[in-house]
Structures are given as structure tokens and as C-alpha cells.
Amino acid sequence: MSKQIGKQLRDLYSGGNYTGVSLKDALADVDWKTATTKFSSFNSILALVYHINYYLIAVLKVLQGEPLNASDKFSFDHPQIQSKEEWKEFLNQFWKDGEDFAMLIDQLPENKFLEPFLDGRYGTYYRNIVGVIEHTHYHLGQIVLIKKLLSQQ
């Protein structure tokens, strides 16, 4: 199960998943100006990418043995991106965090998935890891729609 869930995350990032859309494809042609542009009252693409990564990092750190340190109120507090180089650096960290998370999932013992996540308030490890994947799919759909709306302006 570990390797399969790790692959599921990688496919979400790089392609080959069931939905036929990936983060790499969706973000490939997004420049920093587009990423930071808001459409109506929607979040910017930058805000959504940051938000995706915020929760991925929270679970990743728990897998690394650190305490859970995340709060919904900070999950959209993205950095200000003001250049092509800053956007590229931001995305490079995003891709690295995704791969680091997938590698940790790959190494997770099968029985760990059914154990309580931390104190059990958040369900099992399985629920939290798969929850990150589901959450990412949800916001990937928003990114794709926002890109379409911005391109029509």
C-alpha cells in the first residue's frame, strides 16, 4: 500500500493519474504575474499552491517525527512573489516537498496506515495522507478553472 499511495501522489504532481490532469501540467504555463492575479473573489493560483503545500508540509513533518504545527488561519499566508525567479524558486520548493512526502509514504510500514495520527483526534495516518491527496485534487481543479477564467480576460 505504501508504494501505491506514494505513486498516487507522484501521479497527481507529474501526470498519469485517473483524472488526467496534474499539477505540473496545470502550472507549466503559469507565469508569476498570472500566479499572483486574482479573479473576482477567488484565491490566486499562488495562494492555492501555497495552501496545498501548507497542509502537505504539516503531514510531512509528522512523518519526519516532528509535532503537528498547522493552523487553518495561516494556510493562505503565502509569500509575495514579484519576479519570474521568485515564482520559479517557489515552485521548485513545491515540487521538492511533494517528492519528499512521496518518498516518506513509500517508506511507511503498511501497519502504520491504520494507526492513530498523533493522538487520534485526526483519524488514522491513512486518512491524513490520503486526505492530503484529495485536498490537492480539489484545489488543482480550482487552479485549472482560474487559469481558464484569467485567460478569457
Foldseek 3Di string as FASTA:
>chain_A
DLLVLLVQLVCQAPNDHPVGDHVCVLCVPQALVQQCDDDDPDHGVQQLLQLLLQLLVQLLVVLVVDHRDDDPVCSRVGDDDDHRVSVVVVVVVSVVSSNSSSVSSNPDPPVQQQDQRVVNPQHGNVCSSVVSVVSSVVSSVVSNVSVVVVVVD
